[in-house]
């Protein structure tokens, strides 16, 4: 796989805590995903307070997306022969880059 220019905002992305979604619930936080230029790329939180403990792990996973995509591309590049797991990595790359069937 050849090196190409990314169409997404280059990483690394960072997670910024924005505080509680509602002041009366200090444990119900939301987070911004920020680019290296400090541009807000996304805001992550649970719509309902139930499950609010998943917002930070979700934000961290989203923030890791550029590095994960790069690592997947390196795996594909280094792989010598096709296999099921290589196809799964290739499918994940296609999904991240909107190359998969959008049907």
Protein backbone atom coordinates (compact mmCIF):
# COMPACT_ATOMS: atom_id res chain seq x y z
CA UNK A 1 0.00 0.00 0.00
CA UNK A 2 1.53 3.31 -1.00
CA UNK A 3 1.76 6.37 1.18
CA UNK A 4 -1.03 8.81 0.44
CA UNK A 5 -2.18 12.12 1.80
CA UNK A 6 -4.93 11.70 4.35
CA UNK A 7 -8.34 13.19 3.74
CA UNK A 8 -9.09 13.42 7.45
CA UNK A 9 -7.67 15.92 9.91
CA UNK A 10 -4.12 14.75 10.68
CA UNK A 11 -3.36 13.57 14.20
CA UNK A 12 -2.47 13.27 16.86
CA UNK A 13 -5.88 14.08 18.27
CA UNK A 14 -6.39 14.87 21.93
CA UNK A 15 -9.24 14.54 24.40
CA UNK A 16 -10.34 17.65 26.31
CA UNK A 17 -12.70 17.37 29.27
CA UNK A 18 -15.55 19.88 28.96
CA UNK A 19 -17.10 19.25 32.35
CA UNK A 20 -20.57 18.05 33.24
CA UNK A 21 -23.34 17.90 30.64
CA UNK A 22 -25.65 19.22 33.35
CA UNK A 23 -24.42 21.01 36.48
CA UNK A 24 -26.63 18.93 38.77
CA UNK A 25 -24.87 15.73 37.59
CA UNK A 26 -21.10 16.17 38.11
CA UNK A 27 -20.41 12.58 37.01
CA UNK A 28 -22.11 13.06 33.59
CA UNK A 29 -19.26 14.59 31.60
CA UNK A 30 -18.66 15.33 27.96
CA UNK A 31 -15.42 15.60 26.02
CA UNK A 32 -14.08 17.33 22.92
CA UNK A 33 -11.79 15.64 20.41
CA UNK A 34 -9.24 18.28 19.37
CA UNK A 35 -6.86 18.47 16.41
CA UNK A 36 -3.22 19.55 16.79
CA UNK A 37 -4.46 23.05 15.84
CA UNK A 38 -6.96 22.88 18.75
CA UNK A 39 -9.96 22.62 16.39
CA UNK A 40 -12.90 20.76 17.89
CA UNK A 41 -13.49 17.70 15.70
CA UNK A 42 -16.22 16.06 17.78
CA UNK A 43 -17.99 16.20 21.10
CA UNK A 44 -18.52 12.90 22.88
CA UNK A 45 -21.02 12.16 25.63
CA UNK A 46 -23.87 9.84 26.43
CA UNK A 47 -27.29 11.27 25.63
CA UNK A 48 -28.60 9.72 28.82
CA UNK A 49 -26.82 9.81 32.14
CA UNK A 50 -26.96 6.01 32.16
CA UNK A 51 -23.74 4.88 30.53
CA UNK A 52 -21.94 8.16 31.18
CA UNK A 53 -18.92 6.15 32.31
CA UNK A 54 -18.41 5.11 28.66
CA UNK A 55 -17.97 8.66 27.34
CA UNK A 56 -14.28 9.06 28.24
CA UNK A 57 -13.22 5.62 26.93
CA UNK A 58 -15.17 6.36 23.74
CA UNK A 59 -13.49 9.74 23.39
CA UNK A 60 -10.07 8.14 23.88
CA UNK A 61 -10.82 5.56 21.17
CA UNK A 62 -11.91 8.27 18.74
CA UNK A 63 -8.81 10.33 19.54
CA UNK A 64 -6.63 7.30 18.74
CA UNK A 65 -8.20 6.92 15.26
CA UNK A 66 -5.36 8.51 13.24
CA UNK A 67 -2.75 6.32 14.92
CA UNK A 68 -4.93 3.21 14.58
CA UNK A 69 -5.48 3.89 10.88
CA UNK A 70 -1.75 4.36 10.33
CA UNK A 71 -0.96 1.13 12.20
CA UNK A 72 -3.53 -0.80 10.16
CA UNK A 73 -2.03 0.50 6.93
CA UNK A 74 1.43 -0.59 8.10
CA UNK A 75 0.10 -4.08 8.89
CA UNK A 76 -1.37 -4.36 5.37
CA UNK A 77 1.86 -3.10 3.86
CA UNK A 78 4.00 -5.56 5.84
CA UNK A 79 1.75 -8.58 5.25
CA UNK A 80 3.11 -10.93 2.65
CA UNK A 81 0.07 -13.08 1.98
CA UNK A 82 -3.66 -12.48 2.22
CA UNK A 83 -5.55 -13.93 5.15
CA UNK A 84 -8.82 -13.38 6.94
CA UNK A 85 -7.34 -11.00 9.50
CA UNK A 86 -5.58 -9.00 6.79
CA UNK A 87 -8.94 -8.68 4.99
CA UNK A 88 -10.54 -7.51 8.25
CA UNK A 89 -7.86 -4.85 8.64
CA UNK A 90 -8.33 -3.81 5.00
CA UNK A 91 -12.10 -3.59 5.55
CA UNK A 92 -11.57 -1.40 8.63
CA UNK A 93 -9.31 0.92 6.62
CA UNK A 94 -11.91 1.14 3.87
CA UNK A 95 -14.60 1.99 6.42
CA UNK A 96 -12.41 4.68 7.97
CA UNK A 97 -11.70 6.18 4.56
CA UNK A 98 -15.26 5.75 3.19
CA UNK A 99 -14.15 3.33 0.50
CA UNK A 100 -16.47 0.56 1.64
CA UNK A 101 -19.89 -0.01 0.15
CA UNK A 102 -22.12 2.70 1.57
CA UNK A 103 -25.25 0.82 0.52
